[in-house]
Amino acid sequence: MESAILAALWAAGTPLTPGQVQSAIGPSLARTTVTTILSRLYEKGTVARSRAGRGFAYTPTEDEPGLTARRMHSELRKREDRGTVLARFVSQLTDEDERLLRELLDGEAP
């Protein structure tokens, strides 16, 4: 549900109210559910909000790649043995992803 809401916010490119988010994603979620999810995303720092009438309009704080990177860092911080986690992550990379990671670590632009 969070992903669908974030996708709607990214696509809009402008702050959206919960009602506007609901319209963008379709009637599969009640407006109150959308509002609750947006509030939780705000508490996590994933979206910012500004006053819009009696409620709020929401904007993502990061683009999709930035959010994915933040989630990866968050998961890594949860583990005591970061080396093992990183080793397993790297061992599961495709050859292309491994090449790209090597370029990035060497300071080369992709």
PDB file of N, CA and C in Angstrom:
ATOM      1  N   MET A   1       0.829  -1.189   0.000  1.00  0.00           N
ATOM      2  CA  MET A   1       0.000   0.000   0.000  1.00  0.00           C
ATOM      3  C   MET A   1       0.872   1.251   0.000  1.00  0.00           C
ATOM      4  N   GLU A   2       1.949   1.220   0.809  1.00  0.00           N
ATOM      5  CA  GLU A   2       2.849   2.367   0.832  1.00  0.00           C
ATOM      6  C   GLU A   2       3.430   2.619  -0.552  1.00  0.00           C
ATOM      7  N   SER A   3       3.800   1.564  -1.237  1.00  0.00           N
ATOM      8  CA  SER A   3       4.405   1.701  -2.566  1.00  0.00           C
ATOM      9  C   SER A   3       3.449   2.351  -3.549  1.00  0.00           C
ATOM     10  N   ALA A   4       2.191   1.955  -3.509  1.00  0.00           N
ATOM     11  CA  ALA A   4       1.200   2.529  -4.417  1.00  0.00           C
ATOM     12  C   ALA A   4       1.002   4.014  -4.128  1.00  0.00           C
ATOM     13  N   ILE A   5       0.981   4.357  -2.853  1.00  0.00           N
ATOM     14  CA  ILE A   5       0.796   5.760  -2.473  1.00  0.00           C
ATOM     15  C   ILE A   5       2.009   6.579  -2.884  1.00  0.00           C
ATOM     16  N   LEU A   6       3.198   6.065  -2.629  1.00  0.00           N
ATOM     17  CA  LEU A   6       4.404   6.777  -3.047  1.00  0.00           C
ATOM     18  C   LEU A   6       4.467   6.920  -4.561  1.00  0.00           C
ATOM     19  N   ALA A   7       4.083   5.891  -5.286  1.00  0.00           N
ATOM     20  CA  ALA A   7       4.073   5.965  -6.750  1.00  0.00           C
ATOM     21  C   ALA A   7       3.153   7.079  -7.228  1.00  0.00           C
ATOM     22  N   ALA A   8       2.004   7.219  -6.585  1.00  0.00           N
ATOM     23  CA  ALA A   8       1.074   8.287  -6.951  1.00  0.00           C
ATOM     24  C   ALA A   8       1.681   9.655  -6.670  1.00  0.00           C
ATOM     25  N   LEU A   9       2.361   9.786  -5.540  1.00  0.00           N
ATOM     26  CA  LEU A   9       2.995  11.063  -5.209  1.00  0.00           C
ATOM     27  C   LEU A   9       4.128  11.390  -6.173  1.00  0.00           C
ATOM     28  N   TRP A  10       4.955  10.401  -6.506  1.00  0.00           N
ATOM     29  CA  TRP A  10       6.040  10.634  -7.455  1.00  0.00           C
ATOM     30  C   TRP A  10       5.489  11.023  -8.825  1.00  0.00           C
ATOM     31  N   ALA A  11       4.436  10.352  -9.250  1.00  0.00           N
ATOM     32  CA  ALA A  11       3.860  10.635 -10.569  1.00  0.00           C
ATOM     33  C   ALA A  11       3.259  12.034 -10.622  1.00  0.00           C
ATOM     34  N   ALA A  12       2.685  12.479  -9.518  1.00  0.00           N
ATOM     35  CA  ALA A  12       2.020  13.783  -9.501  1.00  0.00           C
ATOM     36  C   ALA A  12       3.027  14.918  -9.612  1.00  0.00           C
ATOM     37  N   GLY A  13       4.152  14.776  -8.940  1.00  0.00           N
ATOM     38  CA  GLY A  13       5.150  15.832  -8.986  1.00  0.00           C
ATOM     39  C   GLY A  13       4.736  17.100  -8.264  1.00  0.00           C
ATOM     40  N   THR A  14       3.669  17.026  -7.522  1.00  0.00           N
ATOM     41  CA  THR A  14       3.153  18.153  -6.756  1.00  0.00           C
ATOM     42  C   THR A  14       2.497  17.592  -5.492  1.00  0.00           C
ATOM     43  N   PRO A  15       2.406  18.376  -4.432  1.00  0.00           N
ATOM     44  CA  PRO A  15       1.774  17.851  -3.220  1.00  0.00           C
ATOM     45  C   PRO A  15       0.331  17.405  -3.465  1.00  0.00           C
ATOM     46  N   LEU A  16      -0.042  16.294  -2.840  1.00  0.00           N
ATOM     47  CA  LEU A  16      -1.395  15.759  -2.971  1.00  0.00           C
ATOM     48  C   LEU A  16      -2.030  15.588  -1.597  1.00  0.00           C
ATOM     49  N   THR A  17      -3.326  15.844  -1.525  1.00  0.00           N
ATOM     50  CA  THR A  17      -4.094  15.565  -0.316  1.00  0.00           C
ATOM     51  C   THR A  17      -4.438  14.076  -0.309  1.00  0.00           C
ATOM     52  N   PRO A  18      -4.852  13.542   0.829  1.00  0.00           N
ATOM     53  CA  PRO A  18      -5.255  12.133   0.845  1.00  0.00           C
ATOM     54  C   PRO A  18      -6.341  11.808  -0.181  1.00  0.00           C
ATOM     55  N   GLY A  19      -7.292  12.704  -0.353  1.00  0.00           N
ATOM     56  CA  GLY A  19      -8.343  12.478  -1.350  1.00  0.00           C
ATOM     57  C   GLY A  19      -7.799  12.407  -2.761  1.00  0.00           C
ATOM     58  N   GLN A  20      -6.825  13.264  -3.064  1.00  0.00           N
ATOM     59  CA  GLN A  20      -6.204  13.240  -4.391  1.00  0.00           C
ATOM     60  C   GLN A  20      -5.386  11.974  -4.593  1.00  0.00           C
ATOM     61  N   VAL A  21      -4.719  11.529  -3.540  1.00  0.00           N
ATOM     62  CA  VAL A  21      -3.963  10.275  -3.626  1.00  0.00           C
ATOM     63  C   VAL A  21      -4.926   9.127  -3.892  1.00  0.00           C
ATOM     64  N   GLN A  22      -6.037   9.097  -3.164  1.00  0.00           N
ATOM     65  CA  GLN A  22      -7.027   8.036  -3.356  1.00  0.00           C
ATOM     66  C   GLN A  22      -7.544   8.041  -4.791  1.00  0.00           C
ATOM     67  N   SER A  23      -7.818   9.220  -5.333  1.00  0.00           N
ATOM     68  CA  SER A  23      -8.280   9.305  -6.727  1.00  0.00           C
ATOM     69  C   SER A  23      -7.235   8.768  -7.695  1.00  0.00           C
ATOM     70  N   ALA A  24      -5.968   9.037  -7.388  1.00  0.00           N
ATOM     71  CA  ALA A  24      -4.893   8.603  -8.277  1.00  0.00           C
ATOM     72  C   ALA A  24      -4.692   7.096  -8.259  1.00  0.00           C
ATOM     73  N   ILE A  25      -4.889   6.470  -7.095  1.00  0.00           N
ATOM     74  CA  ILE A  25      -4.640   5.026  -7.014  1.00  0.00           C
ATOM     75  C   ILE A  25      -5.897   4.198  -7.214  1.00  0.00           C
ATOM     76  N   GLY A  26      -7.040   4.834  -7.208  1.00  0.00           N
ATOM     77  CA  GLY A  26      -8.288   4.107  -7.415  1.00  0.00           C
ATOM     78  C   GLY A  26      -8.985   3.804  -6.102  1.00  0.00           C
ATOM     79  N   PRO A  27     -10.187   3.301  -6.180  1.00  0.00           N
ATOM     80  CA  PRO A  27     -11.017   3.116  -4.983  1.00  0.00           C
ATOM     81  C   PRO A  27     -10.669   1.880  -4.142  1.00  0.00           C
ATOM     82  N   SER A  28      -9.533   1.251  -4.421  1.00  0.00           N
ATOM     83  CA  SER A  28      -9.198   0.030  -3.685  1.00  0.00           C
ATOM     84  C   SER A  28      -8.917   0.294  -2.210  1.00  0.00           C
ATOM     85  N   LEU A  29      -8.528   1.519  -1.871  1.00  0.00           N
ATOM     86  CA  LEU A  29      -8.284   1.891  -0.481  1.00  0.00           C
ATOM     87  C   LEU A  29      -9.239   3.007  -0.063  1.00  0.00           C
ATOM     88  N   ALA A  30      -9.767   2.898   1.131  1.00  0.00           N
ATOM     89  CA  ALA A  30     -10.625   3.957   1.666  1.00  0.00           C
ATOM     90  C   ALA A  30      -9.779   5.193   1.941  1.00  0.00           C
ATOM     91  N   ARG A  31     -10.403   6.359   1.886  1.00  0.00           N
ATOM     92  CA  ARG A  31      -9.684   7.607   2.134  1.00  0.00           C
ATOM     93  C   ARG A  31      -9.052   7.601   3.522  1.00  0.00           C
ATOM     94  N   THR A  32      -9.743   7.050   4.496  1.00  0.00           N
ATOM     95  CA  THR A  32      -9.189   7.008   5.857  1.00  0.00           C
ATOM     96  C   THR A  32      -7.932   6.129   5.907  1.00  0.00           C
ATOM     97  N   THR A  33      -7.923   5.066   5.129  1.00  0.00           N
ATOM     98  CA  THR A  33      -6.741   4.199   5.064  1.00  0.00           C
ATOM     99  C   THR A  33      -5.584   4.945   4.419  1.00  0.00           C
ATOM    100  N   VAL A  34      -5.869   5.665   3.350  1.00  0.00           N
ATOM    101  CA  VAL A  34      -4.840   6.467   2.680  1.00  0.00           C
ATOM    102  C   VAL A  34      -4.278   7.499   3.660  1.00  0.00           C
ATOM    103  N   THR A  35      -5.150   8.156   4.410  1.00  0.00           N
ATOM    104  CA  THR A  35      -4.709   9.154   5.392  1.00  0.00           C
ATOM    105  C   THR A  35      -3.815   8.521   6.455  1.00  0.00           C
ATOM    106  N   THR A  36      -4.197   7.342   6.934  1.00  0.00           N
ATOM    107  CA  THR A  36      -3.393   6.644   7.941  1.00  0.00           C
ATOM    108  C   THR A  36      -2.019   6.290   7.386  1.00  0.00           C
ATOM    109  N   ILE A  37      -1.970   5.776   6.176  1.00  0.00           N
ATOM    110  CA  ILE A  37      -0.693   5.401   5.569  1.00  0.00           C
ATOM    111  C   ILE A  37       0.177   6.629   5.351  1.00  0.00           C
ATOM    112  N   LEU A  38      -0.420   7.720   4.885  1.00  0.00           N
ATOM    113  CA  LEU A  38       0.343   8.955   4.700  1.00  0.00           C
ATOM    114  C   LEU A  38       0.896   9.464   6.030  1.00  0.00           C
ATOM    115  N   SER A  39       0.116   9.358   7.090  1.00  0.00           N
ATOM    116  CA  SER A  39       0.583   9.772   8.420  1.00  0.00           C
ATOM    117  C   SER A  39       1.771   8.929   8.862  1.00  0.00           C
ATOM    118  N   ARG A  40       1.703   7.642   8.611  1.00  0.00           N
ATOM    119  CA  ARG A  40       2.820   6.750   8.972  1.00  0.00           C
ATOM    120  C   ARG A  40       4.059   7.056   8.137  1.00  0.00           C
ATOM    121  N   LEU A  41       3.860   7.327   6.857  1.00  0.00           N
ATOM    122  CA  LEU A  41       4.986   7.699   6.001  1.00  0.00           C
ATOM    123  C   LEU A  41       5.608   9.013   6.472  1.00  0.00           C
ATOM    124  N   TYR A  42       4.783   9.928   6.946  1.00  0.00           N
ATOM    125  CA  TYR A  42       5.274  11.199   7.481  1.00  0.00           C
ATOM    126  C   TYR A  42       6.115  10.949   8.734  1.00  0.00           C
ATOM    127  N   GLU A  43       5.638  10.093   9.605  1.00  0.00           N
ATOM    128  CA  GLU A  43       6.378   9.769  10.835  1.00  0.00           C
ATOM    129  C   GLU A  43       7.719   9.114  10.528  1.00  0.00           C
ATOM    130  N   LYS A  44       7.791   8.367   9.443  1.00  0.00           N
ATOM    131  CA  LYS A  44       9.045   7.717   9.031  1.00  0.00           C
ATOM    132  C   LYS A  44       9.987   8.683   8.318  1.00  0.00           C
ATOM    133  N   GLY A  45       9.490   9.860   7.943  1.00  0.00           N
ATOM    134  CA  GLY A  45      10.298  10.815   7.199  1.00  0.00           C
ATOM    135  C   GLY A  45      10.300  10.578   5.706  1.00  0.00           C
ATOM    136  N   THR A  46       9.419   9.713   5.245  1.00  0.00           N
ATOM    137  CA  THR A  46       9.359   9.367   3.826  1.00  0.00           C
ATOM    138  C   THR A  46       8.623  10.428   3.013  1.00  0.00           C
ATOM    139  N   VAL A  47       7.673  11.112   3.645  1.00  0.00           N
ATOM    140  CA  VAL A  47       6.956  12.211   3.001  1.00  0.00           C
ATOM    141  C   VAL A  47       6.987  13.429   3.912  1.00  0.00           C
ATOM    142  N   ALA A  48       6.859  14.590   3.303  1.00  0.00           N
ATOM    143  CA  ALA A  48       6.703  15.841   4.036  1.00  0.00           C
ATOM    144  C   ALA A  48       5.254  16.272   3.850  1.00  0.00           C
ATOM    145  N   ARG A  49       4.779  17.107   4.745  1.00  0.00           N
ATOM    146  CA  ARG A  49       3.410  17.572   4.594  1.00  0.00           C
ATOM    147  C   ARG A  49       3.341  19.069   4.835  1.00  0.00           C
ATOM    148  N   SER A  50       2.333  19.674   4.189  1.00  0.00           N
ATOM    149  CA  SER A  50       2.081  21.099   4.355  1.00  0.00           C
ATOM    150  C   SER A  50       0.569  21.288   4.467  1.00  0.00           C
ATOM    151  N   ARG A  51       0.182  22.343   5.120  1.00  0.00           N
ATOM    152  CA  ARG A  51      -1.246  22.616   5.298  1.00  0.00           C
ATOM    153  C   ARG A  51      -1.922  22.809   3.953  1.00  0.00           C
ATOM    154  N   ALA A  52      -3.087  22.217   3.824  1.00  0.00           N
ATOM    155  CA  ALA A  52      -3.921  22.370   2.630  1.00  0.00           C
ATOM    156  C   ALA A  52      -5.360  22.440   3.121  1.00  0.00           C
ATOM    157  N   GLY A  53      -5.848  23.628   3.373  1.00  0.00           N
ATOM    158  CA  GLY A  53      -7.181  23.770   3.957  1.00  0.00           C
ATOM    159  C   GLY A  53      -7.163  23.286   5.395  1.00  0.00           C
ATOM    160  N   ARG A  54      -8.094  22.407   5.721  1.00  0.00           N
ATOM    161  CA  ARG A  54      -8.151  21.868   7.087  1.00  0.00           C
ATOM    162  C   ARG A  54      -7.272  20.634   7.273  1.00  0.00           C
ATOM    163  N   GLY A  55      -6.697  20.157   6.189  1.00  0.00           N
ATOM    164  CA  GLY A  55      -5.863  18.953   6.267  1.00  0.00           C
ATOM    165  C   GLY A  55      -4.454  19.226   5.778  1.00  0.00           C
ATOM    166  N   PHE A  56      -3.862  18.208   5.211  1.00  0.00           N
ATOM    167  CA  PHE A  56      -2.485  18.298   4.728  1.00  0.00           C
ATOM    168  C   PHE A  56      -2.384  17.808   3.293  1.00  0.00           C
ATOM    169  N   ALA A  57      -1.358  18.307   2.617  1.00  0.00           N
ATOM    170  CA  ALA A  57      -0.951  17.784   1.312  1.00  0.00           C
ATOM    171  C   ALA A  57       0.442  17.195   1.509  1.00  0.00           C
ATOM    172  N   TYR A  58       0.721  16.103   0.844  1.00  0.00           N
ATOM    173  CA  TYR A  58       1.947  15.339   1.072  1.00  0.00           C
ATOM    174  C   TYR A  58       2.832  15.321  -0.170  1.00  0.00           C
ATOM    175  N   THR A  59       4.138  15.329   0.096  1.00  0.00           N
ATOM    176  CA  THR A  59       5.153  15.284  -0.954  1.00  0.00           C
ATOM    177  C   THR A  59       6.225  14.285  -0.542  1.00  0.00           C
ATOM    178  N   PRO A  60       6.706  13.444  -1.448  1.00  0.00           N
ATOM    179  CA  PRO A  60       7.790  12.533  -1.075  1.00  0.00           C
ATOM    180  C   PRO A  60       9.061  13.319  -0.765  1.00  0.00           C
ATOM    181  N   THR A  61       9.822  12.851   0.211  1.00  0.00           N
ATOM    182  CA  THR A  61      11.062  13.529   0.579  1.00  0.00           C
ATOM    183  C   THR A  61      12.232  13.082  -0.290  1.00  0.00           C
ATOM    184  N   GLU A  62      12.076  11.964  -0.981  1.00  0.00           N
ATOM    185  CA  GLU A  62      13.131  11.436  -1.844  1.00  0.00           C
ATOM    186  C   GLU A  62      12.511  10.830  -3.092  1.00  0.00           C
ATOM    187  N   ASP A  63      13.340  10.698  -4.118  1.00  0.00           N
ATOM    188  CA  ASP A  63      12.884   9.978  -5.299  1.00  0.00           C
ATOM    189  C   ASP A  63      12.952   8.479  -5.005  1.00  0.00           C
ATOM    190  N   GLU A  64      12.478   7.684  -5.936  1.00  0.00           N
ATOM    191  CA  GLU A  64      12.410   6.236  -5.711  1.00  0.00           C
ATOM    192  C   GLU A  64      13.779   5.597  -5.454  1.00  0.00           C
ATOM    193  N   PRO A  65      14.811   5.920  -6.243  1.00  0.00           N
ATOM    194  CA  PRO A  65      16.124   5.333  -5.943  1.00  0.00           C
ATOM    195  C   PRO A  65      16.657   5.754  -4.566  1.00  0.00           C
ATOM    196  N   GLY A  66      16.416   7.000  -4.175  1.00  0.00           N
ATOM    197  CA  GLY A  66      16.866   7.468  -2.863  1.00  0.00           C
ATOM    198  C   GLY A  66      16.173   6.735  -1.730  1.00  0.00           C
ATOM    199  N   LEU A  67      14.887   6.491  -1.898  1.00  0.00           N
ATOM    200  CA  LEU A  67      14.143   5.773  -0.870  1.00  0.00           C
ATOM    201  C   LEU A  67      14.616   4.323  -0.762  1.00  0.00           C
ATOM    202  N   THR A  68      14.867   3.701  -1.894  1.00  0.00           N
ATOM    203  CA  THR A  68      15.366   2.323  -1.880  1.00  0.00           C
ATOM    204  C   THR A  68      16.710   2.259  -1.175  1.00  0.00           C
ATOM    205  N   ALA A  69      17.588   3.213  -1.464  1.00  0.00           N
ATOM    206  CA  ALA A  69      18.902   3.243  -0.805  1.00  0.00           C
ATOM    207  C   ALA A  69      18.746   3.439   0.703  1.00  0.00           C
ATOM    208  N   ARG A  70      17.814   4.312   1.106  1.00  0.00           N
ATOM    209  CA  ARG A  70      17.605   4.534   2.547  1.00  0.00           C
ATOM    210  C   ARG A  70      17.092   3.262   3.216  1.00  0.00           C
ATOM    211  N   ARG A  71      16.223   2.539   2.552  1.00  0.00           N
ATOM    212  CA  ARG A  71      15.719   1.277   3.114  1.00  0.00           C
ATOM    213  C   ARG A  71      16.834   0.249   3.249  1.00  0.00           C
ATOM    214  N   MET A  72      17.712   0.203   2.248  1.00  0.00           N
ATOM    215  CA  MET A  72      18.834  -0.735   2.316  1.00  0.00           C
ATOM    216  C   MET A  72      19.745  -0.380   3.491  1.00  0.00           C
ATOM    217  N   HIS A  73      20.030   0.902   3.668  1.00  0.00           N
ATOM    218  CA  HIS A  73      20.851   1.334   4.815  1.00  0.00           C
ATOM    219  C   HIS A  73      20.169   0.992   6.131  1.00  0.00           C
ATOM    220  N   SER A  74      18.871   1.186   6.193  1.00  0.00           N
ATOM    221  CA  SER A  74      18.123   0.892   7.417  1.00  0.00           C
ATOM    222  C   SER A  74      18.225  -0.586   7.777  1.00  0.00           C
ATOM    223  N   GLU A  75      18.074  -1.447   6.787  1.00  0.00           N
ATOM    224  CA  GLU A  75      18.188  -2.892   7.032  1.00  0.00           C
ATOM    225  C   GLU A  75      19.605  -3.250   7.473  1.00  0.00           C
ATOM    226  N   LEU A  76      20.593  -2.638   6.859  1.00  0.00           N
ATOM    227  CA  LEU A  76      21.978  -2.927   7.204  1.00  0.00           C
ATOM    228  C   LEU A  76      22.292  -2.510   8.646  1.00  0.00           C
ATOM    229  N   ARG A  77      21.750  -1.373   9.070  1.00  0.00           N
ATOM    230  CA  ARG A  77      21.986  -0.892  10.433  1.00  0.00           C
ATOM    231  C   ARG A  77      21.368  -1.804  11.486  1.00  0.00           C
ATOM    232  N   LYS A  78      20.400  -2.596  11.118  1.00  0.00           N
ATOM    233  CA  LYS A  78      19.728  -3.488  12.069  1.00  0.00           C
ATOM    234  C   LYS A  78      20.586  -4.701  12.421  1.00  0.00           C
ATOM    235  N   ARG A  79      21.606  -4.983  11.666  1.00  0.00           N
ATOM    236  CA  ARG A  79      22.401  -6.192  11.834  1.00  0.00           C
ATOM    237  C   ARG A  79      23.728  -5.880  12.490  1.00  0.00           C
ATOM    238  N   GLU A  80      24.124  -6.752  13.399  1.00  0.00           N
ATOM    239  CA  GLU A  80      25.403  -6.575  14.081  1.00  0.00           C
ATOM    240  C   GLU A  80      26.560  -6.958  13.170  1.00  0.00           C
ATOM    241  N   ASP A  81      26.387  -8.023  12.397  1.00  0.00           N
ATOM    242  CA  ASP A  81      27.447  -8.517  11.520  1.00  0.00           C
ATOM    243  C   ASP A  81      27.226  -7.984  10.105  1.00  0.00           C
ATOM    244  N   ARG A  82      27.547  -6.726   9.923  1.00  0.00           N
ATOM    245  CA  ARG A  82      27.331  -6.070   8.631  1.00  0.00           C
ATOM    246  C   ARG A  82      28.136  -6.727   7.520  1.00  0.00           C
ATOM    247  N   GLY A  83      29.335  -7.215   7.852  1.00  0.00           N
ATOM    248  CA  GLY A  83      30.183  -7.853   6.847  1.00  0.00           C
ATOM    249  C   GLY A  83      29.520  -9.055   6.214  1.00  0.00           C
ATOM    250  N   THR A  84      28.885  -9.879   7.036  1.00  0.00           N
ATOM    251  CA  THR A  84      28.197 -11.064   6.515  1.00  0.00           C
ATOM    252  C   THR A  84      27.018 -10.661   5.644  1.00  0.00           C
ATOM    253  N   VAL A  85      26.264  -9.659   6.096  1.00  0.00           N
ATOM    254  CA  VAL A  85      25.118  -9.200   5.312  1.00  0.00           C
ATOM    255  C   VAL A  85      25.589  -8.675   3.959  1.00  0.00           C
ATOM    256  N   LEU A  86      26.618  -7.837   3.961  1.00  0.00           N
ATOM    257  CA  LEU A  86      27.121  -7.298   2.695  1.00  0.00           C
ATOM    258  C   LEU A  86      27.688  -8.400   1.810  1.00  0.00           C
ATOM    259  N   ALA A  87      28.394  -9.361   2.399  1.00  0.00           N
ATOM    260  CA  ALA A  87      28.958 -10.461   1.615  1.00  0.00           C
ATOM    261  C   ALA A  87      27.857 -11.260   0.934  1.00  0.00           C
ATOM    262  N   ARG A  88      26.797 -11.538   1.667  1.00  0.00           N
ATOM    263  CA  ARG A  88      25.690 -12.298   1.055  1.00  0.00           C
ATOM    264  C   ARG A  88      24.978 -11.490  -0.012  1.00  0.00           C
ATOM    265  N   PHE A  89      24.833 -10.183   0.235  1.00  0.00           N
ATOM    266  CA  PHE A  89      24.211  -9.317  -0.770  1.00  0.00           C
ATOM    267  C   PHE A  89      25.030  -9.334  -2.058  1.00  0.00           C
ATOM    268  N   VAL A  90      26.334  -9.129  -1.919  1.00  0.00           N
ATOM    269  CA  VAL A  90      27.212  -9.081  -3.092  1.00  0.00           C
ATOM    270  C   VAL A  90      27.239 -10.423  -3.809  1.00  0.00           C
ATOM    271  N   SER A  91      27.202 -11.523  -3.057  1.00  0.00           N
ATOM    272  CA  SER A  91      27.258 -12.842  -3.687  1.00  0.00           C
ATOM    273  C   SER A  91      26.023 -13.130  -4.535  1.00  0.00           C
ATOM    274  N   GLN A  92      24.963 -12.390  -4.309  1.00  0.00           N
ATOM    275  CA  GLN A  92      23.722 -12.616  -5.057  1.00  0.00           C
ATOM    276  C   GLN A  92      23.526 -11.627  -6.214  1.00  0.00           C
ATOM    277  N   LEU A  93      24.505 -10.755  -6.435  1.00  0.00           N
ATOM    278  CA  LEU A  93      24.400  -9.793  -7.529  1.00  0.00           C
ATOM    279  C   LEU A  93      24.576 -10.482  -8.877  1.00  0.00           C
ATOM    280  N   THR A  94      23.908  -9.966  -9.868  1.00  0.00           N
ATOM    281  CA  THR A  94      24.160 -10.430 -11.236  1.00  0.00           C
ATOM    282  C   THR A  94      25.525  -9.902 -11.668  1.00  0.00           C
ATOM    283  N   ASP A  95      26.067 -10.466 -12.730  1.00  0.00           N
ATOM    284  CA  ASP A  95      27.360  -9.998 -13.238  1.00  0.00           C
ATOM    285  C   ASP A  95      27.291  -8.513 -13.589  1.00  0.00           C
ATOM    286  N   GLU A  96      26.204  -8.097 -14.187  1.00  0.00           N
ATOM    287  CA  GLU A  96      26.041  -6.691 -14.575  1.00  0.00           C
ATOM    288  C   GLU A  96      25.973  -5.783 -13.349  1.00  0.00           C
ATOM    289  N   ASP A  97      25.221  -6.194 -12.319  1.00  0.00           N
ATOM    290  CA  ASP A  97      25.144  -5.394 -11.098  1.00  0.00           C
ATOM    291  C   ASP A  97      26.489  -5.342 -10.389  1.00  0.00           C
ATOM    292  N   GLU A  98      27.228  -6.450 -10.421  1.00  0.00           N
ATOM    293  CA  GLU A  98      28.546  -6.473  -9.796  1.00  0.00           C
ATOM    294  C   GLU A  98      29.496  -5.512 -10.517  1.00  0.00           C
ATOM    295  N   ARG A  99      29.441  -5.506 -11.836  1.00  0.00           N
ATOM    296  CA  ARG A  99      30.271  -4.584 -12.625  1.00  0.00           C
ATOM    297  C   ARG A  99      29.917  -3.139 -12.284  1.00  0.00           C
ATOM    298  N   LEU A 100      28.639  -2.853 -12.225  1.00  0.00           N
ATOM    299  CA  LEU A 100      28.192  -1.501 -11.906  1.00  0.00           C
ATOM    300  C   LEU A 100      28.634  -1.087 -10.505  1.00  0.00           C
ATOM    301  N   LEU A 101      28.503  -1.979  -9.543  1.00  0.00           N
ATOM    302  CA  LEU A 101      28.928  -1.689  -8.178  1.00  0.00           C
ATOM    303  C   LEU A 101      30.423  -1.422  -8.124  1.00  0.00           C
ATOM    304  N   ARG A 102      31.209  -2.217  -8.862  1.00  0.00           N
ATOM    305  CA  ARG A 102      32.660  -1.989  -8.901  1.00  0.00           C
ATOM    306  C   ARG A 102      32.976  -0.608  -9.463  1.00  0.00           C
ATOM    307  N   GLU A 103      32.280  -0.216 -10.517  1.00  0.00           N
ATOM    308  CA  GLU A 103      32.479   1.117 -11.101  1.00  0.00           C
ATOM    309  C   GLU A 103      32.149   2.211 -10.103  1.00  0.00           C
ATOM    310  N   LEU A 104      31.047   2.051  -9.402  1.00  0.00           N
ATOM    311  CA  LEU A 104      30.637   3.057  -8.428  1.00  0.00           C
ATOM    312  C   LEU A 104      31.637   3.154  -7.279  1.00  0.00           C
ATOM    313  N   LEU A 105      32.115   2.020  -6.796  1.00  0.00           N
ATOM    314  CA  LEU A 105      33.093   2.019  -5.706  1.00  0.00           C
ATOM    315  C   LEU A 105      34.438   2.615  -6.140  1.00  0.00           C
ATOM    316  N   ASP A 106      34.767   2.489  -7.428  1.00  0.00           N
ATOM    317  CA  ASP A 106      36.000   3.068  -7.955  1.00  0.00           C
ATOM    318  C   ASP A 106      35.825   4.542  -8.315  1.00  0.00           C
ATOM    319  N   GLY A 107      34.615   5.071  -8.102  1.00  0.00           N
ATOM    320  CA  GLY A 107      34.374   6.488  -8.383  1.00  0.00           C
ATOM    321  C   GLY A 107      34.068   6.789  -9.833  1.00  0.00           C
ATOM    322  N   GLU A 108      33.766   5.773 -10.582  1.00  0.00           N
ATOM    323  CA  GLU A 108      33.434   5.959 -11.990  1.00  0.00           C
ATOM    324  C   GLU A 108      31.929   6.127 -12.132  1.00  0.00           C
ATOM    325  N   ALA A 109      31.547   7.035 -12.988  1.00  0.00           N
ATOM    326  CA  ALA A 109      30.117   7.243 -13.236  1.00  0.00           C
ATOM    327  C   ALA A 109      29.582   6.092 -14.058  1.00  0.00           C
ATOM    328  N   PRO A 110      28.359   5.632 -13.768  1.00  0.00           N
ATOM    329  CA  PRO A 110      27.788   4.531 -14.549  1.00  0.00           C
ATOM    330  C   PRO A 110      27.494   4.928 -15.976  1.00  0.00           C
TER     331      PRO A 110
END
